[in-house]
């Protein structure tokens, strides 16, 4: 399994609610159309008095790097990118492997 990890910065002028609606409600409709997608997770930044450097992080799982390339080469990706322009000022991303770390019995018991 390979994962696309993307950190997102909201477009200026959008309220938090507007940003979250476009990302949490509208965007998944388009993301689901990507061929080969296995899982999708959104991680919105919590509201805080401090301004975070990013407004959220997205994770998209695929079986292979080849599947990622295929997914982002098609018409589905073009529509996705057009929608992202409506609510994102910037997005930085990378491909990642997941490594599960055993926290041991002490941590699990607490």
PDB file of N, CA and C in Angstrom:
ATOM      1  N   UNK A   1       0.848  -1.183   0.000  1.00  0.00           N
ATOM      2  CA  UNK A   1       0.000   0.000   0.000  1.00  0.00           C
ATOM      3  C   UNK A   1       0.889   1.240   0.000  1.00  0.00           C
ATOM      4  N   UNK A   2       0.502   2.212  -0.792  1.00  0.00           N
ATOM      5  CA  UNK A   2       1.208   3.495  -0.842  1.00  0.00           C
ATOM      6  C   UNK A   2       0.193   4.594  -0.517  1.00  0.00           C
ATOM      7  N   UNK A   3       0.665   5.646   0.092  1.00  0.00           N
ATOM      8  CA  UNK A   3      -0.254   6.693   0.524  1.00  0.00           C
ATOM      9  C   UNK A   3       0.211   8.051   0.009  1.00  0.00           C
ATOM     10  N   UNK A   4      -0.741   8.825  -0.505  1.00  0.00           N
ATOM     11  CA  UNK A   4      -0.505  10.230  -0.822  1.00  0.00           C
ATOM     12  C   UNK A   4      -0.842  11.009   0.444  1.00  0.00           C
ATOM     13  N   UNK A   5       0.114  11.780   0.943  1.00  0.00           N
ATOM     14  CA  UNK A   5      -0.103  12.636   2.109  1.00  0.00           C
ATOM     15  C   UNK A   5      -0.003  14.077   1.613  1.00  0.00           C
ATOM     16  N   UNK A   6      -1.060  14.851   1.849  1.00  0.00           N
ATOM     17  CA  UNK A   6      -1.093  16.235   1.375  1.00  0.00           C
ATOM     18  C   UNK A   6      -1.444  17.170   2.520  1.00  0.00           C
ATOM     19  N   UNK A   7      -0.664  18.234   2.678  1.00  0.00           N
ATOM     20  CA  UNK A   7      -0.993  19.270   3.656  1.00  0.00           C
ATOM     21  C   UNK A   7      -1.548  20.465   2.883  1.00  0.00           C
ATOM     22  N   UNK A   8      -2.616  21.043   3.435  1.00  0.00           N
ATOM     23  CA  UNK A   8      -3.422  22.006   2.704  1.00  0.00           C
ATOM     24  C   UNK A   8      -3.451  23.370   3.378  1.00  0.00           C
ATOM     25  N   UNK A   9      -3.430  24.404   2.572  1.00  0.00           N
ATOM     26  CA  UNK A   9      -3.591  25.778   3.044  1.00  0.00           C
ATOM     27  C   UNK A   9      -4.814  26.354   2.343  1.00  0.00           C
ATOM     28  N   UNK A  10      -5.767  26.854   3.130  1.00  0.00           N
ATOM     29  CA  UNK A  10      -7.015  27.387   2.583  1.00  0.00           C
ATOM     30  C   UNK A  10      -6.780  28.672   1.797  1.00  0.00           C
ATOM     31  N   UNK A  11      -7.609  28.869   0.803  1.00  0.00           N
ATOM     32  CA  UNK A  11      -7.584  30.098   0.009  1.00  0.00           C
ATOM     33  C   UNK A  11      -8.013  31.270   0.891  1.00  0.00           C
ATOM     34  N   UNK A  12      -7.299  32.385   0.772  1.00  0.00           N
ATOM     35  CA  UNK A  12      -7.653  33.584   1.542  1.00  0.00           C
ATOM     36  C   UNK A  12      -9.041  34.054   1.147  1.00  0.00           C
ATOM     37  N   UNK A  13      -9.758  34.584   2.128  1.00  0.00           N
ATOM     38  CA  UNK A  13     -11.095  35.087   1.878  1.00  0.00           C
ATOM     39  C   UNK A  13     -12.195  34.094   2.199  1.00  0.00           C
ATOM     40  N   UNK A  14     -11.828  32.824   2.374  1.00  0.00           N
ATOM     41  CA  UNK A  14     -12.810  31.814   2.765  1.00  0.00           C
ATOM     42  C   UNK A  14     -12.865  31.727   4.284  1.00  0.00           C
ATOM     43  N   UNK A  15     -14.062  31.670   4.829  1.00  0.00           N
ATOM     44  CA  UNK A  15     -14.189  31.419   6.264  1.00  0.00           C
ATOM     45  C   UNK A  15     -13.836  29.960   6.530  1.00  0.00           C
ATOM     46  N   UNK A  16     -13.606  29.631   7.784  1.00  0.00           N
ATOM     47  CA  UNK A  16     -13.338  28.237   8.150  1.00  0.00           C
ATOM     48  C   UNK A  16     -14.494  27.344   7.710  1.00  0.00           C
ATOM     49  N   UNK A  17     -15.728  27.792   7.945  1.00  0.00           N
ATOM     50  CA  UNK A  17     -16.896  26.994   7.564  1.00  0.00           C
ATOM     51  C   UNK A  17     -16.984  26.799   6.054  1.00  0.00           C
ATOM     52  N   UNK A  18     -16.680  27.842   5.293  1.00  0.00           N
ATOM     53  CA  UNK A  18     -16.704  27.718   3.827  1.00  0.00           C
ATOM     54  C   UNK A  18     -15.637  26.741   3.350  1.00  0.00           C
ATOM     55  N   UNK A  19     -14.439  26.875   3.910  1.00  0.00           N
ATOM     56  CA  UNK A  19     -13.352  25.957   3.555  1.00  0.00           C
ATOM     57  C   UNK A  19     -13.740  24.515   3.868  1.00  0.00           C
ATOM     58  N   UNK A  20     -14.232  24.285   5.084  1.00  0.00           N
ATOM     59  CA  UNK A  20     -14.579  22.920   5.486  1.00  0.00           C
ATOM     60  C   UNK A  20     -15.722  22.352   4.659  1.00  0.00           C
ATOM     61  N   UNK A  21     -16.680  23.170   4.272  1.00  0.00           N
ATOM     62  CA  UNK A  21     -17.774  22.667   3.439  1.00  0.00           C
ATOM     63  C   UNK A  21     -17.235  22.207   2.078  1.00  0.00           C
ATOM     64  N   UNK A  22     -16.406  23.043   1.461  1.00  0.00           N
ATOM     65  CA  UNK A  22     -15.852  22.674   0.156  1.00  0.00           C
ATOM     66  C   UNK A  22     -14.985  21.421   0.257  1.00  0.00           C
ATOM     67  N   UNK A  23     -14.204  21.318   1.336  1.00  0.00           N
ATOM     68  CA  UNK A  23     -13.302  20.178   1.484  1.00  0.00           C
ATOM     69  C   UNK A  23     -14.039  18.939   1.988  1.00  0.00           C
ATOM     70  N   UNK A  24     -14.825  19.066   3.040  1.00  0.00           N
ATOM     71  CA  UNK A  24     -15.450  17.903   3.686  1.00  0.00           C
ATOM     72  C   UNK A  24     -16.694  17.393   2.979  1.00  0.00           C
ATOM     73  N   UNK A  25     -17.415  18.269   2.282  1.00  0.00           N
ATOM     74  CA  UNK A  25     -18.684  17.867   1.669  1.00  0.00           C
ATOM     75  C   UNK A  25     -18.564  17.742   0.147  1.00  0.00           C
ATOM     76  N   UNK A  26     -18.080  18.794  -0.508  1.00  0.00           N
ATOM     77  CA  UNK A  26     -18.017  18.783  -1.971  1.00  0.00           C
ATOM     78  C   UNK A  26     -16.879  17.916  -2.512  1.00  0.00           C
ATOM     79  N   UNK A  27     -15.701  18.056  -1.935  1.00  0.00           N
ATOM     80  CA  UNK A  27     -14.503  17.419  -2.492  1.00  0.00           C
ATOM     81  C   UNK A  27     -14.544  15.891  -2.489  1.00  0.00           C
ATOM     82  N   UNK A  28     -15.041  15.230  -1.438  1.00  0.00           N
ATOM     83  CA  UNK A  28     -15.054  13.764  -1.444  1.00  0.00           C
ATOM     84  C   UNK A  28     -15.827  13.153  -2.615  1.00  0.00           C
ATOM     85  N   UNK A  29     -16.823  13.860  -3.117  1.00  0.00           N
ATOM     86  CA  UNK A  29     -17.574  13.361  -4.278  1.00  0.00           C
ATOM     87  C   UNK A  29     -16.623  13.156  -5.456  1.00  0.00           C
ATOM     88  N   UNK A  30     -15.682  14.074  -5.631  1.00  0.00           N
ATOM     89  CA  UNK A  30     -14.712  13.984  -6.721  1.00  0.00           C
ATOM     90  C   UNK A  30     -13.587  13.012  -6.398  1.00  0.00           C
ATOM     91  N   UNK A  31     -13.131  13.009  -5.160  1.00  0.00           N
ATOM     92  CA  UNK A  31     -12.041  12.112  -4.762  1.00  0.00           C
ATOM     93  C   UNK A  31     -12.451  10.654  -4.972  1.00  0.00           C
ATOM     94  N   UNK A  32     -13.692  10.326  -4.637  1.00  0.00           N
ATOM     95  CA  UNK A  32     -14.178   8.942  -4.775  1.00  0.00           C
ATOM     96  C   UNK A  32     -14.079   8.423  -6.204  1.00  0.00           C
ATOM     97  N   UNK A  33     -14.042   9.308  -7.175  1.00  0.00           N
ATOM     98  CA  UNK A  33     -13.991   8.914  -8.589  1.00  0.00           C
ATOM     99  C   UNK A  33     -12.596   8.502  -9.051  1.00  0.00           C
ATOM    100  N   UNK A  34     -11.564   8.786  -8.247  1.00  0.00           N
ATOM    101  CA  UNK A  34     -10.202   8.436  -8.664  1.00  0.00           C
ATOM    102  C   UNK A  34     -10.072   6.926  -8.811  1.00  0.00           C
ATOM    103  N   UNK A  35      -9.621   6.455  -9.968  1.00  0.00           N
ATOM    104  CA  UNK A  35      -9.463   5.010 -10.142  1.00  0.00           C
ATOM    105  C   UNK A  35      -8.376   4.468  -9.215  1.00  0.00           C
ATOM    106  N   UNK A  36      -8.637   3.324  -8.615  1.00  0.00           N
ATOM    107  CA  UNK A  36      -7.653   2.661  -7.767  1.00  0.00           C
ATOM    108  C   UNK A  36      -7.600   3.137  -6.331  1.00  0.00           C
ATOM    109  N   UNK A  37      -8.392   4.139  -5.975  1.00  0.00           N
ATOM    110  CA  UNK A  37      -8.386   4.653  -4.599  1.00  0.00           C
ATOM    111  C   UNK A  37      -8.919   3.588  -3.645  1.00  0.00           C
ATOM    112  N   UNK A  38      -8.196   3.342  -2.549  1.00  0.00           N
ATOM    113  CA  UNK A  38      -8.599   2.332  -1.557  1.00  0.00           C
ATOM    114  C   UNK A  38      -9.180   2.947  -0.290  1.00  0.00           C
ATOM    115  N   UNK A  39      -8.625   4.064   0.145  1.00  0.00           N
ATOM    116  CA  UNK A  39      -9.106   4.758   1.350  1.00  0.00           C
ATOM    117  C   UNK A  39      -8.858   6.245   1.177  1.00  0.00           C
ATOM    118  N   UNK A  40      -9.620   7.027   1.933  1.00  0.00           N
ATOM    119  CA  UNK A  40      -9.450   8.480   1.912  1.00  0.00           C
ATOM    120  C   UNK A  40      -9.750   8.994   3.308  1.00  0.00           C
ATOM    121  N   UNK A  41      -8.865   9.819   3.834  1.00  0.00           N
ATOM    122  CA  UNK A  41      -9.059  10.388   5.172  1.00  0.00           C
ATOM    123  C   UNK A  41      -8.720  11.870   5.129  1.00  0.00           C
ATOM    124  N   UNK A  42      -9.567  12.664   5.787  1.00  0.00           N
ATOM    125  CA  UNK A  42      -9.315  14.089   5.950  1.00  0.00           C
ATOM    126  C   UNK A  42      -9.003  14.363   7.415  1.00  0.00           C
ATOM    127  N   UNK A  43      -8.047  15.246   7.655  1.00  0.00           N
ATOM    128  CA  UNK A  43      -7.637  15.628   9.007  1.00  0.00           C
ATOM    129  C   UNK A  43      -7.634  17.154   9.106  1.00  0.00           C
ATOM    130  N   UNK A  44      -8.801  17.766   9.358  1.00  0.00           N
ATOM    131  CA  UNK A  44      -8.833  19.224   9.482  1.00  0.00           C
ATOM    132  C   UNK A  44      -8.107  19.681  10.748  1.00  0.00           C
ATOM    133  N   UNK A  45      -7.385  20.778  10.644  1.00  0.00           N
ATOM    134  CA  UNK A  45      -6.719  21.351  11.820  1.00  0.00           C
ATOM    135  C   UNK A  45      -7.785  21.842  12.798  1.00  0.00           C
ATOM    136  N   UNK A  46      -7.537  21.631  14.082  1.00  0.00           N
ATOM    137  CA  UNK A  46      -8.482  22.095  15.100  1.00  0.00           C
ATOM    138  C   UNK A  46      -8.408  23.618  15.199  1.00  0.00           C
ATOM    139  N   UNK A  47      -9.527  24.209  15.580  1.00  0.00           N
ATOM    140  CA  UNK A  47      -9.527  25.657  15.793  1.00  0.00           C
ATOM    141  C   UNK A  47      -8.633  25.973  16.983  1.00  0.00           C
ATOM    142  N   UNK A  48      -7.873  27.048  16.862  1.00  0.00           N
ATOM    143  CA  UNK A  48      -6.898  27.393  17.889  1.00  0.00           C
ATOM    144  C   UNK A  48      -6.637  28.894  17.803  1.00  0.00           C
ATOM    145  N   UNK A  49      -6.245  29.496  18.916  1.00  0.00           N
ATOM    146  CA  UNK A  49      -5.926  30.929  18.880  1.00  0.00           C
ATOM    147  C   UNK A  49      -4.703  31.216  18.010  1.00  0.00           C
ATOM    148  N   UNK A  50      -3.844  30.220  17.884  1.00  0.00           N
ATOM    149  CA  UNK A  50      -2.663  30.331  17.027  1.00  0.00           C
ATOM    150  C   UNK A  50      -3.071  29.979  15.593  1.00  0.00           C
ATOM    151  N   UNK A  51      -2.495  30.689  14.633  1.00  0.00           N
ATOM    152  CA  UNK A  51      -2.743  30.325  13.240  1.00  0.00           C
ATOM    153  C   UNK A  51      -1.775  29.210  12.852  1.00  0.00           C
ATOM    154  N   UNK A  52      -2.317  28.064  12.511  1.00  0.00           N
ATOM    155  CA  UNK A  52      -1.492  26.928  12.102  1.00  0.00           C
ATOM    156  C   UNK A  52      -0.904  27.186  10.711  1.00  0.00           C
ATOM    157  N   UNK A  53       0.224  26.551  10.378  1.00  0.00           N
ATOM    158  CA  UNK A  53       0.789  26.737   9.034  1.00  0.00           C
ATOM    159  C   UNK A  53      -0.058  26.073   7.947  1.00  0.00           C
ATOM    160  N   UNK A  54      -0.909  25.099   8.346  1.00  0.00           N
ATOM    161  CA  UNK A  54      -1.779  24.409   7.402  1.00  0.00           C
ATOM    162  C   UNK A  54      -3.175  24.302   8.001  1.00  0.00           C
ATOM    163  N   UNK A  55      -4.163  24.188   7.127  1.00  0.00           N
ATOM    164  CA  UNK A  55      -5.553  24.053   7.571  1.00  0.00           C
ATOM    165  C   UNK A  55      -6.013  22.605   7.630  1.00  0.00           C
ATOM    166  N   UNK A  56      -5.187  21.700   7.137  1.00  0.00           N
ATOM    167  CA  UNK A  56      -5.556  20.293   7.205  1.00  0.00           C
ATOM    168  C   UNK A  56      -4.573  19.414   6.463  1.00  0.00           C
ATOM    169  N   UNK A  57      -4.827  18.108   6.589  1.00  0.00           N
ATOM    170  CA  UNK A  57      -4.018  17.105   5.915  1.00  0.00           C
ATOM    171  C   UNK A  57      -4.955  16.049   5.352  1.00  0.00           C
ATOM    172  N   UNK A  58      -4.671  15.598   4.148  1.00  0.00           N
ATOM    173  CA  UNK A  58      -5.454  14.532   3.528  1.00  0.00           C
ATOM    174  C   UNK A  58      -4.556  13.331   3.276  1.00  0.00           C
ATOM    175  N   UNK A  59      -5.154  12.143   3.364  1.00  0.00           N
ATOM    176  CA  UNK A  59      -4.447  10.899   3.089  1.00  0.00           C
ATOM    177  C   UNK A  59      -5.274  10.090   2.097  1.00  0.00           C
ATOM    178  N   UNK A  60      -4.619   9.619   1.044  1.00  0.00           N
ATOM    179  CA  UNK A  60      -5.272   8.799   0.026  1.00  0.00           C
ATOM    180  C   UNK A  60      -4.434   7.548  -0.185  1.00  0.00           C
ATOM    181  N   UNK A  61      -5.034   6.388  -0.032  1.00  0.00           N
ATOM    182  CA  UNK A  61      -4.324   5.121  -0.150  1.00  0.00           C
ATOM    183  C   UNK A  61      -4.562   4.486  -1.513  1.00  0.00           C
ATOM    184  N   UNK A  62      -3.482   3.943  -2.084  1.00  0.00           N
ATOM    185  CA  UNK A  62      -3.518   3.207  -3.343  1.00  0.00           C
ATOM    186  C   UNK A  62      -2.677   1.944  -3.176  1.00  0.00           C
ATOM    187  N   UNK A  63      -2.856   0.986  -4.077  1.00  0.00           N
ATOM    188  CA  UNK A  63      -2.089  -0.261  -3.995  1.00  0.00           C
ATOM    189  C   UNK A  63      -0.626  -0.075  -4.386  1.00  0.00           C
ATOM    190  N   UNK A  64      -0.335   0.879  -5.278  1.00  0.00           N
ATOM    191  CA  UNK A  64       1.037   1.029  -5.769  1.00  0.00           C
ATOM    192  C   UNK A  64       1.271   2.448  -6.285  1.00  0.00           C
ATOM    193  N   UNK A  65       2.532   2.774  -6.504  1.00  0.00           N
ATOM    194  CA  UNK A  65       2.889   4.060  -7.106  1.00  0.00           C
ATOM    195  C   UNK A  65       2.301   4.142  -8.516  1.00  0.00           C
ATOM    196  N   UNK A  66       2.316   3.028  -9.235  1.00  0.00           N
ATOM    197  CA  UNK A  66       1.724   3.004 -10.579  1.00  0.00           C
ATOM    198  C   UNK A  66       0.243   3.368 -10.529  1.00  0.00           C
ATOM    199  N   UNK A  67      -0.468   2.900  -9.510  1.00  0.00           N
ATOM    200  CA  UNK A  67      -1.888   3.236  -9.363  1.00  0.00           C
ATOM    201  C   UNK A  67      -2.079   4.723  -9.070  1.00  0.00           C
ATOM    202  N   UNK A  68      -1.169   5.318  -8.303  1.00  0.00           N
ATOM    203  CA  UNK A  68      -1.232   6.761  -8.042  1.00  0.00           C
ATOM    204  C   UNK A  68      -1.067   7.513  -9.362  1.00  0.00           C
ATOM    205  N   UNK A  69      -0.081   7.119 -10.151  1.00  0.00           N
ATOM    206  CA  UNK A  69       0.164   7.781 -11.438  1.00  0.00           C
ATOM    207  C   UNK A  69      -1.051   7.671 -12.352  1.00  0.00           C
ATOM    208  N   UNK A  70      -1.652   6.499 -12.399  1.00  0.00           N
ATOM    209  CA  UNK A  70      -2.847   6.295 -13.222  1.00  0.00           C
ATOM    210  C   UNK A  70      -3.995   7.167 -12.733  1.00  0.00           C
ATOM    211  N   UNK A  71      -4.203   7.202 -11.422  1.00  0.00           N
ATOM    212  CA  UNK A  71      -5.310   7.975 -10.851  1.00  0.00           C
ATOM    213  C   UNK A  71      -5.192   9.453 -11.185  1.00  0.00           C
ATOM    214  N   UNK A  72      -3.979   9.987 -11.142  1.00  0.00           N
ATOM    215  CA  UNK A  72      -3.790  11.418 -11.343  1.00  0.00           C
ATOM    216  C   UNK A  72      -3.545  11.806 -12.801  1.00  0.00           C
ATOM    217  N   UNK A  73      -3.596  10.840 -13.701  1.00  0.00           N
ATOM    218  CA  UNK A  73      -3.394  11.132 -15.122  1.00  0.00           C
ATOM    219  C   UNK A  73      -4.709  11.286 -15.879  1.00  0.00           C
ATOM    220  N   UNK A  74      -5.816  10.929 -15.257  1.00  0.00           N
ATOM    221  CA  UNK A  74      -7.089  10.892 -15.966  1.00  0.00           C
ATOM    222  C   UNK A  74      -7.952  12.127 -15.801  1.00  0.00           C
ATOM    223  N   UNK A  75      -9.100  12.075 -16.452  1.00  0.00           N
ATOM    224  CA  UNK A  75     -10.093  13.153 -16.404  1.00  0.00           C
ATOM    225  C   UNK A  75     -10.590  13.390 -14.986  1.00  0.00           C
ATOM    226  N   UNK A  76     -10.703  12.324 -14.194  1.00  0.00           N
ATOM    227  CA  UNK A  76     -11.166  12.455 -12.811  1.00  0.00           C
ATOM    228  C   UNK A  76     -10.253  13.389 -12.022  1.00  0.00           C
ATOM    229  N   UNK A  77      -8.959  13.280 -12.244  1.00  0.00           N
ATOM    230  CA  UNK A  77      -7.993  14.131 -11.538  1.00  0.00           C
ATOM    231  C   UNK A  77      -8.095  15.582 -12.005  1.00  0.00           C
ATOM    232  N   UNK A  78      -8.327  15.795 -13.294  1.00  0.00           N
ATOM    233  CA  UNK A  78      -8.465  17.160 -13.802  1.00  0.00           C
ATOM    234  C   UNK A  78      -9.628  17.867 -13.101  1.00  0.00           C
ATOM    235  N   UNK A  79     -10.758  17.170 -12.964  1.00  0.00           N
ATOM    236  CA  UNK A  79     -11.917  17.744 -12.273  1.00  0.00           C
ATOM    237  C   UNK A  79     -11.593  18.017 -10.801  1.00  0.00           C
ATOM    238  N   UNK A  80     -10.848  17.115 -10.197  1.00  0.00           N
ATOM    239  CA  UNK A  80     -10.430  17.270  -8.806  1.00  0.00           C
ATOM    240  C   UNK A  80      -9.568  18.527  -8.645  1.00  0.00           C
ATOM    241  N   UNK A  81      -8.588  18.691  -9.525  1.00  0.00           N
ATOM    242  CA  UNK A  81      -7.696  19.851  -9.458  1.00  0.00           C
ATOM    243  C   UNK A  81      -8.463  21.159  -9.659  1.00  0.00           C
ATOM    244  N   UNK A  82      -9.434  21.158 -10.571  1.00  0.00           N
ATOM    245  CA  UNK A  82     -10.240  22.364 -10.793  1.00  0.00           C
ATOM    246  C   UNK A  82     -11.000  22.744  -9.520  1.00  0.00           C
ATOM    247  N   UNK A  83     -11.532  21.747  -8.830  1.00  0.00           N
ATOM    248  CA  UNK A  83     -12.264  22.027  -7.595  1.00  0.00           C
ATOM    249  C   UNK A  83     -11.308  22.517  -6.505  1.00  0.00           C
ATOM    250  N   UNK A  84     -10.123  21.944  -6.417  1.00  0.00           N
ATOM    251  CA  UNK A  84      -9.150  22.361  -5.403  1.00  0.00           C
ATOM    252  C   UNK A  84      -8.799  23.840  -5.556  1.00  0.00           C
ATOM    253  N   UNK A  85      -8.780  24.326  -6.784  1.00  0.00           N
ATOM    254  CA  UNK A  85      -8.472  25.738  -7.026  1.00  0.00           C
ATOM    255  C   UNK A  85      -9.489  26.652  -6.341  1.00  0.00           C
ATOM    256  N   UNK A  86     -10.724  26.165  -6.142  1.00  0.00           N
ATOM    257  CA  UNK A  86     -11.781  26.970  -5.523  1.00  0.00           C
ATOM    258  C   UNK A  86     -11.553  27.219  -4.031  1.00  0.00           C
ATOM    259  N   UNK A  87     -10.825  26.313  -3.353  1.00  0.00           N
ATOM    260  CA  UNK A  87     -10.716  26.462  -1.896  1.00  0.00           C
ATOM    261  C   UNK A  87      -9.298  26.330  -1.350  1.00  0.00           C
ATOM    262  N   UNK A  88      -8.314  26.028  -2.180  1.00  0.00           N
ATOM    263  CA  UNK A  88      -6.937  25.880  -1.702  1.00  0.00           C
ATOM    264  C   UNK A  88      -6.030  26.968  -2.257  1.00  0.00           C
ATOM    265  N   UNK A  89      -5.202  27.529  -1.373  1.00  0.00           N
ATOM    266  CA  UNK A  89      -4.150  28.454  -1.792  1.00  0.00           C
ATOM    267  C   UNK A  89      -2.875  27.686  -2.110  1.00  0.00           C
ATOM    268  N   UNK A  90      -2.667  26.583  -1.390  1.00  0.00           N
ATOM    269  CA  UNK A  90      -1.446  25.798  -1.567  1.00  0.00           C
ATOM    270  C   UNK A  90      -1.676  24.382  -1.070  1.00  0.00           C
ATOM    271  N   UNK A  91      -0.964  23.458  -1.701  1.00  0.00           N
ATOM    272  CA  UNK A  91      -0.979  22.071  -1.249  1.00  0.00           C
ATOM    273  C   UNK A  91       0.417  21.489  -1.482  1.00  0.00           C
ATOM    274  N   UNK A  92       0.991  20.952  -0.434  1.00  0.00           N
ATOM    275  CA  UNK A  92       2.266  20.244  -0.523  1.00  0.00           C
ATOM    276  C   UNK A  92       1.971  18.768  -0.294  1.00  0.00           C
ATOM    277  N   UNK A  93       2.579  17.889  -1.069  1.00  0.00           N
ATOM    278  CA  UNK A  93       2.260  16.470  -0.916  1.00  0.00           C
ATOM    279  C   UNK A  93       3.500  15.612  -1.154  1.00  0.00           C
ATOM    280  N   UNK A  94       3.385  14.374  -0.692  1.00  0.00           N
ATOM    281  CA  UNK A  94       4.436  13.385  -0.926  1.00  0.00           C
ATOM    282  C   UNK A  94       3.816  12.000  -0.864  1.00  0.00           C
ATOM    283  N   UNK A  95       4.545  11.001  -1.370  1.00  0.00           N
ATOM    284  CA  UNK A  95       4.122   9.607  -1.280  1.00  0.00           C
ATOM    285  C   UNK A  95       4.803   8.981  -0.081  1.00  0.00           C
ATOM    286  N   UNK A  96       4.060   8.162   0.652  1.00  0.00           N
ATOM    287  CA  UNK A  96       4.590   7.596   1.896  1.00  0.00           C
ATOM    288  C   UNK A  96       4.208   6.131   2.044  1.00  0.00           C
ATOM    289  N   UNK A  97       5.067   5.422   2.758  1.00  0.00           N
ATOM    290  CA  UNK A  97       4.749   4.092   3.274  1.00  0.00           C
ATOM    291  C   UNK A  97       4.310   4.287   4.713  1.00  0.00           C
ATOM    292  N   UNK A  98       3.430   3.431   5.189  1.00  0.00           N
ATOM    293  CA  UNK A  98       3.048   3.479   6.600  1.00  0.00           C
ATOM    294  C   UNK A  98       3.883   2.473   7.376  1.00  0.00           C
ATOM    295  N   UNK A  99       4.348   2.893   8.528  1.00  0.00           N
ATOM    296  CA  UNK A  99       5.077   2.017   9.436  1.00  0.00           C
ATOM    297  C   UNK A  99       4.345   2.054  10.770  1.00  0.00           C
ATOM    298  N   UNK A 100       3.776   0.944  11.156  1.00  0.00           N
ATOM    299  CA  UNK A 100       3.068   0.845  12.439  1.00  0.00           C
ATOM    300  C   UNK A 100       4.103   0.627  13.533  1.00  0.00           C
ATOM    301  N   UNK A 101       4.047   1.430  14.572  1.00  0.00           N
ATOM    302  CA  UNK A 101       4.989   1.341  15.681  1.00  0.00           C
ATOM    303  C   UNK A 101       4.262   0.766  16.887  1.00  0.00           C
ATOM    304  N   UNK A 102       4.786  -0.319  17.439  1.00  0.00           N
ATOM    305  CA  UNK A 102       4.203  -0.939  18.631  1.00  0.00           C
ATOM    306  C   UNK A 102       4.561  -0.086  19.842  1.00  0.00           C
ATOM    307  N   UNK A 103       3.550   0.415  20.529  1.00  0.00           N
ATOM    308  CA  UNK A 103       3.781   1.277  21.684  1.00  0.00           C
ATOM    309  C   UNK A 103       3.971   0.495  22.973  1.00  0.00           C
ATOM    310  N   UNK A 104       3.831  -0.799  22.919  1.00  0.00           N
ATOM    311  CA  UNK A 104       4.049  -1.624  24.100  1.00  0.00           C
ATOM    312  C   UNK A 104       2.833  -1.687  24.994  1.00  0.00           C
ATOM    313  N   UNK A 105       2.888  -2.596  25.939  1.00  0.00           N
ATOM    314  CA  UNK A 105       1.758  -2.837  26.833  1.00  0.00           C
ATOM    315  C   UNK A 105       1.503  -1.668  27.777  1.00  0.00           C
ATOM    316  N   UNK A 106       2.546  -1.013  28.261  1.00  0.00           N
ATOM    317  CA  UNK A 106       2.376   0.084  29.215  1.00  0.00           C
ATOM    318  C   UNK A 106       1.536   1.214  28.623  1.00  0.00           C
ATOM    319  N   UNK A 107       1.807   1.588  27.400  1.00  0.00           N
ATOM    320  CA  UNK A 107       1.078   2.681  26.762  1.00  0.00           C
ATOM    321  C   UNK A 107      -0.355   2.260  26.484  1.00  0.00           C
ATOM    322  N   UNK A 108      -0.557   1.035  26.031  1.00  0.00           N
ATOM    323  CA  UNK A 108      -1.894   0.552  25.706  1.00  0.00           C
ATOM    324  C   UNK A 108      -2.767   0.439  26.945  1.00  0.00           C
ATOM    325  N   UNK A 109      -2.185   0.178  28.102  1.00  0.00           N
ATOM    326  CA  UNK A 109      -2.951   0.003  29.334  1.00  0.00           C
ATOM    327  C   UNK A 109      -3.359   1.338  29.954  1.00  0.00           C
ATOM    328  N   UNK A 110      -2.673   2.415  29.618  1.00  0.00           N
ATOM    329  CA  UNK A 110      -2.969   3.703  30.267  1.00  0.00           C
ATOM    330  C   UNK A 110      -4.132   4.433  29.666  1.00  0.00           C
TER     331      UNK A 110
END
